[in-house]
Amino acid sequence: MDSSPKIEPISAFHKDCPHCGSSLFPVSNQTEENNDGEEKPDKECHCCGKKFIILFGC
């Protein structure tokens, strides 16, 4: 089974988590050399722990 958390798509206009309403914070992806084709989250909710990737046109 895949134990990694699912990254949900979100619009760049979202500033709050659609699940709990808390503010979203940017995620720093500092391991860019570790690019194994895996999607990296752009934003994260510090309240519920959900991770999001920004998709334009979403």
C-alpha atoms as a PDB file:
ATOM      1  CA  MET A   1       0.000   0.000   0.000  1.00  0.00           C
ATOM      2  CA  ASP A   2       1.087   3.562  -0.661  1.00  0.00           C
ATOM      3  CA  SER A   3       1.756   5.303   2.654  1.00  0.00           C
ATOM      4  CA  SER A   4       2.547   8.735   1.149  1.00  0.00           C
ATOM      5  CA  PRO A   5      -0.111  11.419   1.689  1.00  0.00           C
ATOM      6  CA  LYS A   6      -2.214  12.309  -1.346  1.00  0.00           C
ATOM      7  CA  ILE A   7      -1.548  15.718  -2.836  1.00  0.00           C
ATOM      8  CA  GLU A   8      -4.765  17.416  -3.921  1.00  0.00           C
ATOM      9  CA  PRO A   9      -5.001  19.918  -6.798  1.00  0.00           C
ATOM     10  CA  ILE A  10      -5.962  23.472  -5.846  1.00  0.00           C
ATOM     11  CA  SER A  11      -6.316  26.790  -7.628  1.00  0.00           C
ATOM     12  CA  ALA A  12      -3.663  29.476  -7.120  1.00  0.00           C
ATOM     13  CA  PHE A  13      -6.462  31.741  -5.834  1.00  0.00           C
ATOM     14  CA  HIS A  14      -7.114  29.583  -2.757  1.00  0.00           C
ATOM     15  CA  LYS A  15      -5.631  31.110   0.384  1.00  0.00           C
ATOM     16  CA  ASP A  16      -7.526  28.904   2.842  1.00  0.00           C
ATOM     17  CA  CYS A  17      -7.830  25.141   3.161  1.00  0.00           C
ATOM     18  CA  PRO A  18     -11.052  23.866   1.525  1.00  0.00           C
ATOM     19  CA  HIS A  19     -11.310  21.177   4.225  1.00  0.00           C
ATOM     20  CA  CYS A  20     -10.955  23.105   7.488  1.00  0.00           C
ATOM     21  CA  GLY A  21     -10.764  26.782   6.460  1.00  0.00           C
ATOM     22  CA  SER A  22      -7.319  27.464   7.971  1.00  0.00           C
ATOM     23  CA  SER A  23      -4.649  29.438   6.134  1.00  0.00           C
ATOM     24  CA  LEU A  24      -2.427  27.616   3.646  1.00  0.00           C
ATOM     25  CA  PHE A  25       1.336  27.995   3.849  1.00  0.00           C
ATOM     26  CA  PRO A  26       3.909  27.532   1.059  1.00  0.00           C
ATOM     27  CA  VAL A  27       5.998  24.361   1.157  1.00  0.00           C
ATOM     28  CA  SER A  28       9.709  24.701   0.474  1.00  0.00           C
ATOM     29  CA  ASN A  29      10.892  21.976  -1.903  1.00  0.00           C
ATOM     30  CA  GLN A  30      14.616  22.150  -1.220  1.00  0.00           C
ATOM     31  CA  THR A  31      15.447  18.654  -2.522  1.00  0.00           C
ATOM     32  CA  GLU A  32      15.160  19.539  -6.220  1.00  0.00           C
ATOM     33  CA  GLU A  33      18.066  17.238  -7.157  1.00  0.00           C
ATOM     34  CA  ASN A  34      15.944  14.349  -5.875  1.00  0.00           C
ATOM     35  CA  ASN A  35      13.551  14.646  -8.824  1.00  0.00           C
ATOM     36  CA  ASP A  36      12.194  11.123  -9.256  1.00  0.00           C
ATOM     37  CA  GLY A  37       9.027  12.131 -11.093  1.00  0.00           C
ATOM     38  CA  GLU A  38       7.122  12.454  -7.845  1.00  0.00           C
ATOM     39  CA  GLU A  39       4.745  15.402  -7.455  1.00  0.00           C
ATOM     40  CA  LYS A  40       5.828  17.893  -4.808  1.00  0.00           C
ATOM     41  CA  PRO A  41       3.269  19.909  -2.842  1.00  0.00           C
ATOM     42  CA  ASP A  42       3.172  23.710  -3.231  1.00  0.00           C
ATOM     43  CA  LYS A  43       0.992  24.529  -0.223  1.00  0.00           C
ATOM     44  CA  GLU A  44       0.190  22.846   3.069  1.00  0.00           C
ATOM     45  CA  CYS A  45      -2.419  23.327   5.779  1.00  0.00           C
ATOM     46  CA  HIS A  46      -0.773  23.428   9.192  1.00  0.00           C
ATOM     47  CA  CYS A  47      -4.112  22.656  10.879  1.00  0.00           C
ATOM     48  CA  CYS A  48      -5.286  19.447   9.174  1.00  0.00           C
ATOM     49  CA  GLY A  49      -2.024  18.523   7.391  1.00  0.00           C
ATOM     50  CA  LYS A  50      -3.466  18.354   3.861  1.00  0.00           C
ATOM     51  CA  LYS A  51      -1.030  19.062   1.033  1.00  0.00           C
ATOM     52  CA  PHE A  52      -1.921  20.773  -2.250  1.00  0.00           C
ATOM     53  CA  ILE A  53      -0.360  21.289  -5.662  1.00  0.00           C
ATOM     54  CA  ILE A  54      -1.291  24.442  -7.558  1.00  0.00           C
ATOM     55  CA  LEU A  55      -2.918  23.755 -10.912  1.00  0.00           C
ATOM     56  CA  PHE A  56      -3.860  26.716 -13.067  1.00  0.00           C
ATOM     57  CA  GLY A  57      -7.335  26.497 -14.532  1.00  0.00           C
ATOM     58  CA  CYS A  58      -8.455  24.345 -11.620  1.00  0.00           C
END
